[in-house]
All heavy atoms as atom14 arrays in JSON, in Angstrom:
{
  "sequence": "TLSDLKLALTEACTNSVRHAYREGRAGTVEILYQIEPDRLVVEVADD",
  "atom14_mask": [
    [1, 1, 1, 1, 1, 1, 1, 0, 0, 0, 0, 0, 0, 0],
    [1, 1, 1, 1, 1, 1, 1, 1, 0, 0, 0, 0, 0, 0],
    [1, 1, 1, 1, 1, 1, 0, 0, 0, 0, 0, 0, 0, 0],
    [1, 1, 1, 1, 1, 1, 1, 1, 0, 0, 0, 0, 0, 0],
    [1, 1, 1, 1, 1, 1, 1, 1, 0, 0, 0, 0, 0, 0],
    [1, 1, 1, 1, 1, 1, 1, 1, 1, 0, 0, 0, 0, 0],
    [1, 1, 1, 1, 1, 1, 1, 1, 0, 0, 0, 0, 0, 0],
    [1, 1, 1, 1, 1, 0, 0, 0, 0, 0, 0, 0, 0, 0],
    [1, 1, 1, 1, 1, 1, 1, 1, 0, 0, 0, 0, 0, 0],
    [1, 1, 1, 1, 1, 1, 1, 0, 0, 0, 0, 0, 0, 0],
    [1, 1, 1, 1, 1, 1, 1, 1, 1, 0, 0, 0, 0, 0],
    [1, 1, 1, 1, 1, 0, 0, 0, 0, 0, 0, 0, 0, 0],
    [1, 1, 1, 1, 1, 1, 0, 0, 0, 0, 0, 0, 0, 0],
    [1, 1, 1, 1, 1, 1, 1, 0, 0, 0, 0, 0, 0, 0],
    [1, 1, 1, 1, 1, 1, 1, 1, 0, 0, 0, 0, 0, 0],
    [1, 1, 1, 1, 1, 1, 0, 0, 0, 0, 0, 0, 0, 0],
    [1, 1, 1, 1, 1, 1, 1, 0, 0, 0, 0, 0, 0, 0],
    [1, 1, 1, 1, 1, 1, 1, 1, 1, 1, 1, 0, 0, 0],
    [1, 1, 1, 1, 1, 1, 1, 1, 1, 1, 0, 0, 0, 0],
    [1, 1, 1, 1, 1, 0, 0, 0, 0, 0, 0, 0, 0, 0],
    [1, 1, 1, 1, 1, 1, 1, 1, 1, 1, 1, 1, 0, 0],
    [1, 1, 1, 1, 1, 1, 1, 1, 1, 1, 1, 0, 0, 0],
    [1, 1, 1, 1, 1, 1, 1, 1, 1, 0, 0, 0, 0, 0],
    [1, 1, 1, 1, 0, 0, 0, 0, 0, 0, 0, 0, 0, 0],
    [1, 1, 1, 1, 1, 1, 1, 1, 1, 1, 1, 0, 0, 0],
    [1, 1, 1, 1, 1, 0, 0, 0, 0, 0, 0, 0, 0, 0],
    [1, 1, 1, 1, 0, 0, 0, 0, 0, 0, 0, 0, 0, 0],
    [1, 1, 1, 1, 1, 1, 1, 0, 0, 0, 0, 0, 0, 0],
    [1, 1, 1, 1, 1, 1, 1, 0, 0, 0, 0, 0, 0, 0],
    [1, 1, 1, 1, 1, 1, 1, 1, 1, 0, 0, 0, 0, 0],
    [1, 1, 1, 1, 1, 1, 1, 1, 0, 0, 0, 0, 0, 0],
    [1, 1, 1, 1, 1, 1, 1, 1, 0, 0, 0, 0, 0, 0],
    [1, 1, 1, 1, 1, 1, 1, 1, 1, 1, 1, 1, 0, 0],
    [1, 1, 1, 1, 1, 1, 1, 1, 1, 0, 0, 0, 0, 0],
    [1, 1, 1, 1, 1, 1, 1, 1, 0, 0, 0, 0, 0, 0],
    [1, 1, 1, 1, 1, 1, 1, 1, 1, 0, 0, 0, 0, 0],
    [1, 1, 1, 1, 1, 1, 1, 0, 0, 0, 0, 0, 0, 0],
    [1, 1, 1, 1, 1, 1, 1, 1, 0, 0, 0, 0, 0, 0],
    [1, 1, 1, 1, 1, 1, 1, 1, 1, 1, 1, 0, 0, 0],
    [1, 1, 1, 1, 1, 1, 1, 1, 0, 0, 0, 0, 0, 0],
    [1, 1, 1, 1, 1, 1, 1, 0, 0, 0, 0, 0, 0, 0],
    [1, 1, 1, 1, 1, 1, 1, 0, 0, 0, 0, 0, 0, 0],
    [1, 1, 1, 1, 1, 1, 1, 1, 1, 0, 0, 0, 0, 0],
    [1, 1, 1, 1, 1, 1, 1, 0, 0, 0, 0, 0, 0, 0],
    [1, 1, 1, 1, 1, 0, 0, 0, 0, 0, 0, 0, 0, 0],
    [1, 1, 1, 1, 1, 1, 1, 1, 0, 0, 0, 0, 0, 0],
    [1, 1, 1, 1, 1, 1, 1, 1, 0, 0, 0, 0, 0, 0]
  ],
  "atom14_positions": [
    [[15.62, -8.43, -2.28], [14.42, -7.95, -3.2], [13.21, -7.85, -2.32], [12.38, -6.82, -2.19], [14.27, -8.77, -4.34], [15.37, -8.62, -5.16], [12.98, -8.39, -5.14], [0.0, 0.0, 0.0], [0.0, 0.0, 0.0], [0.0, 0.0, 0.0], [0.0, 0.0, 0.0], [0.0, 0.0, 0.0], [0.0, 0.0, 0.0], [0.0, 0.0, 0.0]],
    [[13.07, -8.89, -1.44], [11.78, -8.9, -0.58], [11.89, -7.7, 0.44], [10.89, -7.12, 0.72], [11.73, -10.28, 0.27], [10.61, -10.49, 1.14], [9.35, -10.21, 0.47], [10.71, -11.72, 1.76], [0.0, 0.0, 0.0], [0.0, 0.0, 0.0], [0.0, 0.0, 0.0], [0.0, 0.0, 0.0], [0.0, 0.0, 0.0], [0.0, 0.0, 0.0]],
    [[12.99, -7.48, 0.86], [13.22, -6.35, 1.97], [12.95, -5.02, 1.24], [12.18, -4.08, 1.8], [14.53, -6.28, 2.52], [14.83, -7.36, 3.3], [0.0, 0.0, 0.0], [0.0, 0.0, 0.0], [0.0, 0.0, 0.0], [0.0, 0.0, 0.0], [0.0, 0.0, 0.0], [0.0, 0.0, 0.0], [0.0, 0.0, 0.0], [0.0, 0.0, 0.0]],
    [[13.34, -4.77, 0.04], [13.1, -3.56, -0.79], [11.57, -3.53, -1.04], [11.0, -2.41, -0.82], [13.82, -3.51, -2.09], [15.27, -3.36, -1.92], [15.83, -3.01, -0.81], [15.98, -3.56, -2.96], [0.0, 0.0, 0.0], [0.0, 0.0, 0.0], [0.0, 0.0, 0.0], [0.0, 0.0, 0.0], [0.0, 0.0, 0.0], [0.0, 0.0, 0.0]],
    [[10.88, -4.52, -1.45], [9.56, -4.47, -1.65], [8.63, -4.19, -0.42], [7.62, -3.51, -0.47], [8.95, -5.84, -2.35], [9.53, -6.02, -3.78], [9.3, -7.48, -4.24], [9.05, -5.03, -4.68], [0.0, 0.0, 0.0], [0.0, 0.0, 0.0], [0.0, 0.0, 0.0], [0.0, 0.0, 0.0], [0.0, 0.0, 0.0], [0.0, 0.0, 0.0]],
    [[8.99, -4.98, 0.79], [8.34, -4.64, 1.92], [8.59, -3.1, 2.31], [7.54, -2.43, 2.92], [8.86, -5.53, 3.06], [8.42, -6.91, 2.9], [8.56, -7.84, 4.07], [9.95, -7.97, 4.56], [10.06, -9.02, 5.6], [0.0, 0.0, 0.0], [0.0, 0.0, 0.0], [0.0, 0.0, 0.0], [0.0, 0.0, 0.0], [0.0, 0.0, 0.0]],
    [[9.74, -2.52, 2.12], [9.8, -1.09, 2.41], [8.94, -0.31, 1.47], [8.29, 0.74, 2.0], [11.36, -0.8, 2.22], [11.7, 0.75, 2.24], [11.29, 1.24, 3.69], [13.27, 1.0, 1.99], [0.0, 0.0, 0.0], [0.0, 0.0, 0.0], [0.0, 0.0, 0.0], [0.0, 0.0, 0.0], [0.0, 0.0, 0.0], [0.0, 0.0, 0.0]],
    [[8.88, -0.68, 0.14], [8.04, 0.19, -0.75], [6.56, 0.06, -0.35], [5.78, 1.02, -0.26], [8.19, -0.32, -2.13], [0.0, 0.0, 0.0], [0.0, 0.0, 0.0], [0.0, 0.0, 0.0], [0.0, 0.0, 0.0], [0.0, 0.0, 0.0], [0.0, 0.0, 0.0], [0.0, 0.0, 0.0], [0.0, 0.0, 0.0], [0.0, 0.0, 0.0]],
    [[6.12, -1.21, 0.15], [4.71, -1.37, 0.56], [4.54, -0.58, 1.78], [3.38, 0.03, 2.01], [4.48, -2.83, 0.69], [3.16, -3.17, 1.34], [1.86, -2.8, 0.35], [3.12, -4.65, 1.75], [0.0, 0.0, 0.0], [0.0, 0.0, 0.0], [0.0, 0.0, 0.0], [0.0, 0.0, 0.0], [0.0, 0.0, 0.0], [0.0, 0.0, 0.0]],
    [[5.42, -0.55, 2.78], [5.23, 0.16, 4.08], [5.12, 1.62, 3.76], [4.18, 2.32, 4.29], [6.51, -0.1, 4.94], [6.54, -1.38, 5.21], [6.31, 0.76, 6.19], [0.0, 0.0, 0.0], [0.0, 0.0, 0.0], [0.0, 0.0, 0.0], [0.0, 0.0, 0.0], [0.0, 0.0, 0.0], [0.0, 0.0, 0.0], [0.0, 0.0, 0.0]],
    [[5.98, 2.15, 2.76], [5.76, 3.6, 2.46], [4.56, 3.94, 1.74], [3.81, 5.03, 2.09], [6.98, 4.08, 1.51], [8.32, 4.05, 2.17], [8.52, 5.0, 3.27], [7.85, 5.95, 3.38], [9.39, 4.68, 4.16], [0.0, 0.0, 0.0], [0.0, 0.0, 0.0], [0.0, 0.0, 0.0], [0.0, 0.0, 0.0], [0.0, 0.0, 0.0]],
    [[4.0, 3.07, 0.98], [2.71, 3.28, 0.25], [1.63, 3.27, 1.2], [0.67, 4.23, 1.17], [2.44, 2.36, -0.87], [0.0, 0.0, 0.0], [0.0, 0.0, 0.0], [0.0, 0.0, 0.0], [0.0, 0.0, 0.0], [0.0, 0.0, 0.0], [0.0, 0.0, 0.0], [0.0, 0.0, 0.0], [0.0, 0.0, 0.0], [0.0, 0.0, 0.0]],
    [[1.6, 2.35, 2.09], [0.5, 2.19, 2.98], [0.53, 3.34, 4.12], [-0.51, 3.89, 4.51], [0.55, 0.96, 3.82], [0.2, -0.58, 2.79], [0.0, 0.0, 0.0], [0.0, 0.0, 0.0], [0.0, 0.0, 0.0], [0.0, 0.0, 0.0], [0.0, 0.0, 0.0], [0.0, 0.0, 0.0], [0.0, 0.0, 0.0], [0.0, 0.0, 0.0]],
    [[1.78, 3.74, 4.44], [1.89, 4.85, 5.39], [1.37, 6.15, 4.88], [0.71, 6.97, 5.55], [3.37, 4.99, 5.88], [3.75, 3.74, 6.49], [3.66, 6.22, 6.76], [0.0, 0.0, 0.0], [0.0, 0.0, 0.0], [0.0, 0.0, 0.0], [0.0, 0.0, 0.0], [0.0, 0.0, 0.0], [0.0, 0.0, 0.0], [0.0, 0.0, 0.0]],
    [[1.57, 6.32, 3.46], [1.03, 7.58, 2.89], [-0.49, 7.62, 2.96], [-1.07, 8.66, 3.33], [1.49, 7.58, 1.36], [2.89, 8.16, 1.31], [3.43, 8.72, 2.21], [3.47, 7.85, 0.12], [0.0, 0.0, 0.0], [0.0, 0.0, 0.0], [0.0, 0.0, 0.0], [0.0, 0.0, 0.0], [0.0, 0.0, 0.0], [0.0, 0.0, 0.0]],
    [[-1.18, 6.39, 2.7], [-2.63, 6.42, 2.84], [-3.0, 6.6, 4.24], [-4.04, 7.33, 4.61], [-3.18, 5.09, 2.32], [-3.06, 5.04, 0.93], [0.0, 0.0, 0.0], [0.0, 0.0, 0.0], [0.0, 0.0, 0.0], [0.0, 0.0, 0.0], [0.0, 0.0, 0.0], [0.0, 0.0, 0.0], [0.0, 0.0, 0.0], [0.0, 0.0, 0.0]],
    [[-2.39, 5.85, 5.17], [-2.81, 6.1, 6.7], [-2.69, 7.55, 7.1], [-3.47, 8.02, 7.91], [-1.88, 5.06, 7.54], [-1.96, 5.38, 8.96], [-2.24, 3.6, 7.27], [0.0, 0.0, 0.0], [0.0, 0.0, 0.0], [0.0, 0.0, 0.0], [0.0, 0.0, 0.0], [0.0, 0.0, 0.0], [0.0, 0.0, 0.0], [0.0, 0.0, 0.0]],
    [[-1.46, 8.14, 6.71], [-1.17, 9.54, 7.24], [-1.97, 10.61, 6.54], [-2.37, 11.64, 7.22], [0.26, 9.92, 7.05], [1.14, 9.27, 8.1], [2.49, 9.88, 7.89], [3.42, 9.27, 8.83], [4.8, 9.35, 8.75], [5.34, 9.99, 7.75], [5.47, 8.82, 9.61], [0.0, 0.0, 0.0], [0.0, 0.0, 0.0], [0.0, 0.0, 0.0]],
    [[-2.18, 10.4, 5.2], [-2.71, 11.66, 4.45], [-4.15, 11.48, 3.98], [-4.77, 12.54, 3.6], [-1.75, 11.88, 3.27], [-0.42, 12.14, 3.71], [0.06, 13.24, 4.5], [0.78, 11.44, 3.53], [1.22, 13.16, 4.75], [1.72, 12.05, 4.1], [0.0, 0.0, 0.0], [0.0, 0.0, 0.0], [0.0, 0.0, 0.0], [0.0, 0.0, 0.0]],
    [[-4.65, 10.2, 3.86], [-5.95, 10.02, 3.19], [-7.2, 10.46, 3.99], [-8.08, 11.03, 3.66], [-6.09, 8.6, 2.73], [0.0, 0.0, 0.0], [0.0, 0.0, 0.0], [0.0, 0.0, 0.0], [0.0, 0.0, 0.0], [0.0, 0.0, 0.0], [0.0, 0.0, 0.0], [0.0, 0.0, 0.0], [0.0, 0.0, 0.0], [0.0, 0.0, 0.0]],
    [[-6.96, 10.12, 5.39], [-8.18, 10.25, 6.29], [-7.74, 11.2, 7.46], [-7.2, 10.81, 8.38], [-8.59, 8.88, 6.7], [-8.79, 7.92, 5.8], [-7.97, 6.86, 5.43], [-10.06, 7.95, 5.01], [-8.19, 5.96, 4.42], [-10.37, 7.01, 4.13], [-9.43, 6.07, 3.76], [-9.7, 5.2, 2.75], [0.0, 0.0, 0.0], [0.0, 0.0, 0.0]],
    [[-8.08, 12.46, 7.2], [-7.75, 13.48, 8.14], [-8.77, 13.72, 9.11], [-9.95, 13.22, 9.01], [-7.32, 14.71, 7.49], [-6.08, 14.63, 6.53], [-5.4, 15.86, 6.23], [-4.23, 15.55, 5.46], [-3.81, 16.13, 4.32], [-4.49, 17.16, 3.9], [-2.7, 15.81, 3.76], [0.0, 0.0, 0.0], [0.0, 0.0, 0.0], [0.0, 0.0, 0.0]],
    [[-8.42, 14.35, 10.26], [-9.28, 14.72, 11.27], [-10.06, 13.57, 11.9], [-11.21, 13.65, 12.23], [-10.24, 15.78, 10.82], [-9.78, 17.03, 10.21], [-10.65, 17.87, 9.44], [-11.92, 17.65, 9.46], [-10.16, 18.98, 8.81], [0.0, 0.0, 0.0], [0.0, 0.0, 0.0], [0.0, 0.0, 0.0], [0.0, 0.0, 0.0], [0.0, 0.0, 0.0]],
    [[-9.26, 12.49, 12.01], [-9.77, 11.37, 12.79], [-10.86, 10.55, 12.03], [-11.42, 9.58, 12.62], [0.0, 0.0, 0.0], [0.0, 0.0, 0.0], [0.0, 0.0, 0.0], [0.0, 0.0, 0.0], [0.0, 0.0, 0.0], [0.0, 0.0, 0.0], [0.0, 0.0, 0.0], [0.0, 0.0, 0.0], [0.0, 0.0, 0.0], [0.0, 0.0, 0.0]],
    [[-11.01, 10.74, 10.77], [-11.96, 10.12, 10.01], [-11.44, 8.55, 9.83], [-10.39, 8.33, 9.48], [-12.2, 10.89, 8.56], [-13.36, 10.3, 7.89], [-13.55, 11.15, 6.67], [-13.83, 10.1, 5.64], [-13.26, 10.15, 4.4], [-12.39, 11.12, 4.14], [-13.44, 9.19, 3.55], [0.0, 0.0, 0.0], [0.0, 0.0, 0.0], [0.0, 0.0, 0.0]],
    [[-12.39, 7.65, 9.98], [-12.1, 6.29, 9.79], [-11.98, 5.94, 8.38], [-12.76, 6.59, 7.53], [-13.01, 5.35, 10.57], [0.0, 0.0, 0.0], [0.0, 0.0, 0.0], [0.0, 0.0, 0.0], [0.0, 0.0, 0.0], [0.0, 0.0, 0.0], [0.0, 0.0, 0.0], [0.0, 0.0, 0.0], [0.0, 0.0, 0.0], [0.0, 0.0, 0.0]],
    [[-11.18, 5.03, 7.95], [-11.15, 4.58, 6.62], [-10.4, 3.31, 6.46], [-9.94, 2.71, 7.37], [0.0, 0.0, 0.0], [0.0, 0.0, 0.0], [0.0, 0.0, 0.0], [0.0, 0.0, 0.0], [0.0, 0.0, 0.0], [0.0, 0.0, 0.0], [0.0, 0.0, 0.0], [0.0, 0.0, 0.0], [0.0, 0.0, 0.0], [0.0, 0.0, 0.0]],
    [[-10.17, 2.83, 5.27], [-9.4, 1.56, 5.05], [-8.39, 1.81, 3.91], [-8.55, 2.76, 3.15], [-10.47, 0.4, 4.45], [-11.17, 0.93, 3.34], [-11.46, 0.13, 5.61], [0.0, 0.0, 0.0], [0.0, 0.0, 0.0], [0.0, 0.0, 0.0], [0.0, 0.0, 0.0], [0.0, 0.0, 0.0], [0.0, 0.0, 0.0], [0.0, 0.0, 0.0]],
    [[-7.49, 0.92, 3.91], [-6.56, 0.78, 2.84], [-6.62, -0.64, 2.17], [-6.54, -1.54, 2.87], [-5.04, 0.96, 3.4], [-3.95, 0.84, 2.19], [-4.97, 2.41, 4.08], [0.0, 0.0, 0.0], [0.0, 0.0, 0.0], [0.0, 0.0, 0.0], [0.0, 0.0, 0.0], [0.0, 0.0, 0.0], [0.0, 0.0, 0.0], [0.0, 0.0, 0.0]],
    [[-6.74, -0.6, 0.89], [-6.83, -1.79, 0.14], [-5.48, -2.24, -0.49], [-4.91, -1.36, -1.26], [-7.93, -1.78, -0.98], [-8.18, -3.09, -1.7], [-9.33, -2.91, -2.54], [-9.14, -2.39, -3.57], [-10.31, -3.56, -2.16], [0.0, 0.0, 0.0], [0.0, 0.0, 0.0], [0.0, 0.0, 0.0], [0.0, 0.0, 0.0], [0.0, 0.0, 0.0]],
    [[-5.08, -3.35, -0.31], [-3.75, -3.76, -0.95], [-4.12, -4.91, -1.89], [-4.61, -5.9, -1.41], [-2.63, -4.2, 0.08], [-2.56, -3.11, 1.17], [-1.44, -4.47, -0.56], [-1.77, -3.49, 2.4], [0.0, 0.0, 0.0], [0.0, 0.0, 0.0], [0.0, 0.0, 0.0], [0.0, 0.0, 0.0], [0.0, 0.0, 0.0], [0.0, 0.0, 0.0]],
    [[-3.6, -4.78, -3.12], [-3.77, -5.88, -4.16], [-2.36, -6.38, -4.35], [-1.51, -5.71, -4.71], [-4.39, -5.42, -5.4], [-5.81, -4.9, -5.24], [-6.25, -4.42, -6.5], [-6.77, -5.97, -4.66], [0.0, 0.0, 0.0], [0.0, 0.0, 0.0], [0.0, 0.0, 0.0], [0.0, 0.0, 0.0], [0.0, 0.0, 0.0], [0.0, 0.0, 0.0]],
    [[-2.21, -7.68, -4.52], [-1.03, -8.4, -4.83], [-1.24, -9.19, -5.93], [-2.2, -10.02, -6.08], [-0.48, -9.22, -3.61], [-0.32, -8.64, -2.37], [-1.43, -8.6, -1.46], [0.81, -7.93, -1.9], [-1.34, -8.05, -0.21], [0.89, -7.57, -0.66], [-0.12, -7.57, 0.24], [-0.16, -6.96, 1.39], [0.0, 0.0, 0.0], [0.0, 0.0, 0.0]],
    [[-0.38, -9.11, -7.02], [-0.58, -10.05, -8.17], [0.75, -10.46, -8.65], [1.77, -9.65, -8.91], [-1.25, -9.16, -9.36], [-1.4, -10.0, -10.58], [-2.27, -9.33, -11.69], [-2.81, -8.3, -11.33], [-2.3, -9.81, -12.86], [0.0, 0.0, 0.0], [0.0, 0.0, 0.0], [0.0, 0.0, 0.0], [0.0, 0.0, 0.0], [0.0, 0.0, 0.0]],
    [[0.97, -11.81, -8.52], [2.3, -12.26, -8.97], [2.25, -13.03, -10.19], [1.2, -13.79, -10.51], [2.84, -13.29, -7.77], [4.24, -13.59, -8.07], [1.9, -14.48, -7.71], [5.09, -14.03, -6.91], [0.0, 0.0, 0.0], [0.0, 0.0, 0.0], [0.0, 0.0, 0.0], [0.0, 0.0, 0.0], [0.0, 0.0, 0.0], [0.0, 0.0, 0.0]],
    [[2.97, -12.75, -11.15], [3.06, -13.32, -12.4], [4.38, -13.75, -12.68], [5.35, -13.66, -11.87], [2.84, -12.18, -13.49], [1.48, -11.54, -13.36], [1.23, -10.35, -14.3], [2.02, -10.13, -15.16], [0.25, -9.56, -14.08], [0.0, 0.0, 0.0], [0.0, 0.0, 0.0], [0.0, 0.0, 0.0], [0.0, 0.0, 0.0], [0.0, 0.0, 0.0]],
    [[4.71, -14.58, -13.76], [5.94, -15.3, -13.79], [7.16, -14.38, -13.87], [8.23, -14.76, -13.36], [5.86, -16.1, -15.28], [4.39, -16.36, -15.36], [3.74, -15.23, -14.69], [0.0, 0.0, 0.0], [0.0, 0.0, 0.0], [0.0, 0.0, 0.0], [0.0, 0.0, 0.0], [0.0, 0.0, 0.0], [0.0, 0.0, 0.0], [0.0, 0.0, 0.0]],
    [[6.93, -13.22, -14.38], [8.0, -12.31, -14.7], [8.03, -10.94, -13.81], [8.86, -10.17, -13.82], [8.23, -11.91, -16.01], [7.08, -11.02, -16.55], [5.88, -11.13, -15.88], [7.22, -10.25, -17.55], [0.0, 0.0, 0.0], [0.0, 0.0, 0.0], [0.0, 0.0, 0.0], [0.0, 0.0, 0.0], [0.0, 0.0, 0.0], [0.0, 0.0, 0.0]],
    [[6.96, -10.99, -12.96], [6.86, -9.66, -12.13], [5.89, -9.81, -10.98], [5.05, -10.73, -10.96], [6.24, -8.57, -12.9], [4.85, -8.69, -13.47], [4.55, -7.66, -14.42], [5.17, -7.94, -15.71], [5.23, -7.18, -16.71], [4.79, -5.99, -16.62], [5.91, -7.46, -17.82], [0.0, 0.0, 0.0], [0.0, 0.0, 0.0], [0.0, 0.0, 0.0]],
    [[6.05, -9.01, -10.01], [5.21, -8.82, -8.81], [4.62, -7.41, -8.88], [5.34, -6.42, -9.02], [5.9, -9.05, -7.49], [5.12, -8.71, -6.2], [3.97, -9.92, -6.16], [6.04, -8.82, -5.0], [0.0, 0.0, 0.0], [0.0, 0.0, 0.0], [0.0, 0.0, 0.0], [0.0, 0.0, 0.0], [0.0, 0.0, 0.0], [0.0, 0.0, 0.0]],
    [[3.2, -7.35, -8.88], [2.55, -6.12, -8.92], [1.86, -5.79, -7.65], [1.09, -6.73, -7.06], [1.51, -6.08, -10.09], [0.84, -4.78, -10.16], [2.09, -6.39, -11.48], [0.0, 0.0, 0.0], [0.0, 0.0, 0.0], [0.0, 0.0, 0.0], [0.0, 0.0, 0.0], [0.0, 0.0, 0.0], [0.0, 0.0, 0.0], [0.0, 0.0, 0.0]],
    [[2.06, -4.67, -7.03], [1.39, -4.31, -5.83], [0.64, -2.99, -5.96], [1.26, -2.11, -6.51], [2.4, -4.18, -4.52], [1.74, -3.84, -3.29], [3.23, -5.52, -4.46], [0.0, 0.0, 0.0], [0.0, 0.0, 0.0], [0.0, 0.0, 0.0], [0.0, 0.0, 0.0], [0.0, 0.0, 0.0], [0.0, 0.0, 0.0], [0.0, 0.0, 0.0]],
    [[-0.64, -3.01, -5.52], [-1.39, -1.73, -5.61], [-2.0, -1.43, -4.28], [-2.57, -2.22, -3.58], [-2.49, -1.92, -6.55], [-3.38, -0.65, -6.87], [-4.33, -0.9, -7.87], [-4.06, -1.31, -9.07], [-5.56, -0.71, -7.67], [0.0, 0.0, 0.0], [0.0, 0.0, 0.0], [0.0, 0.0, 0.0], [0.0, 0.0, 0.0], [0.0, 0.0, 0.0]],
    [[-1.75, -0.12, -3.81], [-2.22, 0.39, -2.56], [-3.36, 1.49, -2.88], [-2.9, 2.36, -3.56], [-1.19, 1.02, -1.65], [-1.77, 1.33, -0.43], [-0.23, -0.21, -1.39], [0.0, 0.0, 0.0], [0.0, 0.0, 0.0], [0.0, 0.0, 0.0], [0.0, 0.0, 0.0], [0.0, 0.0, 0.0], [0.0, 0.0, 0.0], [0.0, 0.0, 0.0]],
    [[-4.47, 1.4, -2.23], [-5.58, 2.34, -2.66], [-6.31, 2.68, -1.43], [-6.36, 1.8, -0.47], [-6.51, 1.78, -3.74], [0.0, 0.0, 0.0], [0.0, 0.0, 0.0], [0.0, 0.0, 0.0], [0.0, 0.0, 0.0], [0.0, 0.0, 0.0], [0.0, 0.0, 0.0], [0.0, 0.0, 0.0], [0.0, 0.0, 0.0], [0.0, 0.0, 0.0]],
    [[-6.93, 3.95, -1.45], [-7.76, 4.37, -0.32], [-8.88, 5.16, -0.92], [-8.87, 5.49, -2.0], [-6.82, 5.11, 0.66], [-6.25, 6.45, 0.13], [-7.03, 7.39, -0.24], [-5.1, 6.54, 0.0], [0.0, 0.0, 0.0], [0.0, 0.0, 0.0], [0.0, 0.0, 0.0], [0.0, 0.0, 0.0], [0.0, 0.0, 0.0], [0.0, 0.0, 0.0]],
    [[-9.9, 5.53, -0.06], [-11.05, 6.23, -0.46], [-10.86, 7.58, 0.21], [-11.92, 8.24, 0.49], [-12.26, 5.64, -0.03], [-12.45, 4.4, -0.72], [-12.32, 4.27, -2.01], [-12.91, 3.36, -0.16], [0.0, 0.0, 0.0], [0.0, 0.0, 0.0], [0.0, 0.0, 0.0], [0.0, 0.0, 0.0], [0.0, 0.0, 0.0], [0.0, 0.0, 0.0]]
  ]
}
């Protein structure tokens, strides 16, 4: 499960790195992690 989640996180972050900031524009990627008793929530966002 941890390996699967790391793969999903890598894919989400890679999409932001590759597609959000074109033409050499600098930017950031924000990752939110929320762990609850029955679930893990991960959010990846960019500007």
